[in-house]
C-alpha atoms as a PDB file:
ATOM      1  CA  MET A   1     -15.830 -95.793 -50.189  1.00  0.00           C
ATOM      2  CA  THR A   2     -17.416 -95.796 -46.719  1.00  0.00           C
ATOM      3  CA  ASP A   3     -20.947 -96.805 -45.737  1.00  0.00           C
ATOM      4  CA  SER A   4     -21.831 -93.128 -45.350  1.00  0.00           C
ATOM      5  CA  ASP A   5     -20.989 -92.634 -49.056  1.00  0.00           C
ATOM      6  CA  THR A   6     -23.217 -95.443 -50.366  1.00  0.00           C
ATOM      7  CA  ALA A   7     -26.949 -95.491 -50.991  1.00  0.00           C
ATOM      8  CA  LEU A   8     -29.112 -95.984 -47.924  1.00  0.00           C
ATOM      9  CA  TYR A   9     -32.369 -97.934 -48.176  1.00  0.00           C
ATOM     10  CA  ILE A  10     -35.036 -97.512 -45.551  1.00  0.00           C
ATOM     11  CA  THR A  11     -38.077 -99.712 -45.045  1.00  0.00           C
ATOM     12  CA  VAL A  12     -40.790 -97.754 -43.254  1.00  0.00           C
ATOM     13  CA  LEU A  13     -43.782 -99.355 -41.522  1.00  0.00           C
ATOM     14  CA  LEU A  14     -46.493 -96.793 -40.789  1.00  0.00           C
ATOM     15  CA  TYR A  15     -49.310 -97.355 -38.298  1.00  0.00           C
ATOM     16  CA  LEU A  16     -52.034 -94.705 -38.417  1.00  0.00           C
ATOM     17  CA  VAL A  17     -54.191 -93.130 -35.775  1.00  0.00           C
ATOM     18  CA  PRO A  18     -57.636 -94.693 -36.394  1.00  0.00           C
ATOM     19  CA  GLY A  19     -59.784 -92.544 -38.677  1.00  0.00           C
ATOM     20  CA  GLN A  20     -56.914 -90.319 -39.806  1.00  0.00           C
ATOM     21  CA  GLU A  21     -56.410 -91.647 -43.340  1.00  0.00           C
ATOM     22  CA  GLN A  22     -57.138 -88.246 -44.928  1.00  0.00           C
ATOM     23  CA  ALA A  23     -54.755 -86.437 -42.576  1.00  0.00           C
ATOM     24  CA  PHE A  24     -52.135 -89.054 -43.429  1.00  0.00           C
ATOM     25  CA  ALA A  25     -52.672 -88.577 -47.173  1.00  0.00           C
ATOM     26  CA  GLU A  26     -52.161 -84.821 -46.804  1.00  0.00           C
ATOM     27  CA  TYR A  27     -49.022 -85.203 -44.689  1.00  0.00           C
ATOM     28  CA  GLU A  28     -47.611 -87.934 -46.916  1.00  0.00           C
ATOM     29  CA  ALA A  29     -48.028 -85.843 -50.077  1.00  0.00           C
ATOM     30  CA  TYR A  30     -46.014 -83.063 -48.459  1.00  0.00           C
ATOM     31  CA  ALA A  31     -43.351 -85.309 -46.909  1.00  0.00           C
ATOM     32  CA  LEU A  32     -42.720 -87.393 -50.031  1.00  0.00           C
ATOM     33  CA  ASP A  33     -42.372 -84.257 -52.146  1.00  0.00           C
ATOM     34  CA  LEU A  34     -39.822 -82.931 -49.651  1.00  0.00           C
ATOM     35  CA  LEU A  35     -38.011 -86.278 -49.709  1.00  0.00           C
ATOM     36  CA  VAL A  36     -37.623 -86.048 -53.514  1.00  0.00           C
ATOM     37  CA  ARG A  37     -36.369 -82.464 -53.232  1.00  0.00           C
ATOM     38  CA  HIS A  38     -33.647 -83.795 -50.920  1.00  0.00           C
ATOM     39  CA  GLY A  39     -32.563 -86.383 -53.479  1.00  0.00           C
ATOM     40  CA  GLY A  40     -34.495 -89.278 -51.972  1.00  0.00           C
ATOM     41  CA  GLN A  41     -36.568 -91.751 -53.949  1.00  0.00           C
ATOM     42  CA  VAL A  42     -39.714 -93.718 -53.190  1.00  0.00           C
ATOM     43  CA  VAL A  43     -38.833 -97.201 -54.423  1.00  0.00           C
ATOM     44  CA  CYS A  44     -42.293 -98.585 -53.618  1.00  0.00           C
ATOM     45  CA  ARG A  45     -45.334 -98.183 -51.377  1.00  0.00           C
ATOM     46  CA  VAL A  46     -47.577-101.067 -50.340  1.00  0.00           C
ATOM     47  CA  ARG A  47     -50.784-101.115 -48.319  1.00  0.00           C
ATOM     48  CA  PRO A  48     -51.103-104.660 -46.988  1.00  0.00           C
ATOM     49  CA  SER A  49     -54.427-106.146 -46.013  1.00  0.00           C
ATOM     50  CA  GLY A  50     -55.041-108.756 -43.362  1.00  0.00           C
ATOM     51  CA  GLU A  51     -55.046-111.416 -46.088  1.00  0.00           C
ATOM     52  CA  THR A  52     -51.685-110.370 -47.533  1.00  0.00           C
ATOM     53  CA  PHE A  53     -49.801-109.733 -44.293  1.00  0.00           C
ATOM     54  CA  LEU A  54     -47.711-112.811 -43.531  1.00  0.00           C
ATOM     55  CA  ALA A  55     -47.748-112.501 -39.748  1.00  0.00           C
ATOM     56  CA  PRO A  56     -51.164-113.875 -38.758  1.00  0.00           C
ATOM     57  CA  GLY A  57     -52.573-112.442 -35.582  1.00  0.00           C
ATOM     58  CA  GLN A  58     -50.316-109.396 -35.608  1.00  0.00           C
ATOM     59  CA  GLU A  59     -51.395-105.887 -36.437  1.00  0.00           C
ATOM     60  CA  HIS A  60     -50.372-104.976 -39.962  1.00  0.00           C
ATOM     61  CA  PRO A  61     -49.155-101.492 -40.859  1.00  0.00           C
ATOM     62  CA  TYR A  62     -51.361 -99.192 -42.903  1.00  0.00           C
ATOM     63  CA  GLU A  63     -48.517 -98.633 -45.352  1.00  0.00           C
ATOM     64  CA  ILE A  64     -45.042-100.009 -45.995  1.00  0.00           C
ATOM     65  CA  GLN A  65     -42.590 -97.830 -47.910  1.00  0.00           C
ATOM     66  CA  VAL A  66     -39.142 -98.554 -49.289  1.00  0.00           C
ATOM     67  CA  LEU A  67     -37.150 -95.349 -49.638  1.00  0.00           C
ATOM     68  CA  ALA A  68     -33.668 -94.731 -51.021  1.00  0.00           C
ATOM     69  CA  PHE A  69     -31.241 -91.903 -50.313  1.00  0.00           C
ATOM     70  CA  PRO A  70     -27.867 -91.352 -51.981  1.00  0.00           C
ATOM     71  CA  SER A  71     -26.165 -91.336 -48.550  1.00  0.00           C
ATOM     72  CA  SER A  72     -26.787 -91.282 -44.813  1.00  0.00           C
ATOM     73  CA  ALA A  73     -25.888 -87.590 -44.782  1.00  0.00           C
ATOM     74  CA  ILE A  74     -28.648 -86.744 -47.260  1.00  0.00           C
ATOM     75  CA  PHE A  75     -31.143 -88.799 -45.231  1.00  0.00           C
ATOM     76  CA  GLU A  76     -30.146 -86.833 -42.110  1.00  0.00           C
ATOM     77  CA  GLN A  77     -30.564 -83.533 -43.992  1.00  0.00           C
ATOM     78  CA  PHE A  78     -34.106 -84.622 -44.930  1.00  0.00           C
ATOM     79  CA  MET A  79     -34.920 -85.652 -41.360  1.00  0.00           C
ATOM     80  CA  GLN A  80     -33.603 -82.364 -39.928  1.00  0.00           C
ATOM     81  CA  ASP A  81     -35.136 -80.081 -42.563  1.00  0.00           C
ATOM     82  CA  PRO A  82     -36.912 -77.222 -40.727  1.00  0.00           C
ATOM     83  CA  ALA A  83     -39.852 -77.468 -43.141  1.00  0.00           C
ATOM     84  CA  ARG A  84     -40.321 -81.130 -42.187  1.00  0.00           C
ATOM     85  CA  GLN A  85     -39.903 -80.351 -38.491  1.00  0.00           C
ATOM     86  CA  ALA A  86     -42.602 -77.662 -38.776  1.00  0.00           C
ATOM     87  CA  ARG A  87     -45.123 -80.389 -39.695  1.00  0.00           C
ATOM     88  CA  THR A  88     -44.528 -82.520 -36.588  1.00  0.00           C
ATOM     89  CA  ASP A  89     -48.006 -81.852 -35.190  1.00  0.00           C
ATOM     90  CA  GLN A  90     -49.631 -82.780 -38.511  1.00  0.00           C
ATOM     91  CA  ARG A  91     -47.603 -85.994 -38.576  1.00  0.00           C
ATOM     92  CA  ARG A  92     -48.550 -86.906 -35.004  1.00  0.00           C
ATOM     93  CA  GLN A  93     -52.222 -86.303 -35.772  1.00  0.00           C
ATOM     94  CA  ALA A  94     -52.119 -88.978 -38.484  1.00  0.00           C
ATOM     95  CA  ILE A  95     -49.344 -91.446 -37.620  1.00  0.00           C
ATOM     96  CA  ARG A  96     -49.447 -93.388 -34.360  1.00  0.00           C
ATOM     97  CA  GLU A  97     -46.218 -95.341 -34.819  1.00  0.00           C
ATOM     98  CA  THR A  98     -43.363 -95.583 -37.311  1.00  0.00           C
ATOM     99  CA  LEU A  99     -40.815 -98.369 -37.579  1.00  0.00           C
ATOM    100  CA  LEU A 100     -37.677 -97.699 -39.666  1.00  0.00           C
ATOM    101  CA  ILE A 101     -35.347-100.448 -40.875  1.00  0.00           C
ATOM    102  CA  THR A 102     -32.192 -99.271 -42.631  1.00  0.00           C
ATOM    103  CA  GLY A 103     -29.875-101.194 -44.878  1.00  0.00           C
ATOM    104  CA  ARG A 104     -27.432-101.027 -47.754  1.00  0.00           C
ATOM    105  CA  VAL A 105     -27.171-103.198 -50.843  1.00  0.00           C
ATOM    106  CA  ASN A 106     -24.418-105.810 -50.557  1.00  0.00           C
ATOM    107  CA  ARG A 107     -22.553-106.416 -53.771  1.00  0.00           C
END
């Protein structure tokens, strides 16, 4: 079994455009539904506050997500989905910056 055949976990740090929480909520509802239709899973979502973020003095993300996909290929299909691509402007209106960290479970 190769890495491309094993589950892919992605930690997503999302930084919003100030004042665009509602636009983010609308985009996120669409994107997460599409993710599930592609076989992905939302493992968890966390909205840290300044008190809970363990890097004092640094900007904390609006939301942190842990996502899982059955394989890298399925993740790429989700990322390249024309329906997702059609919402690029909506995404840019709400999300200023995204940081993705990928990994696989070691057994």
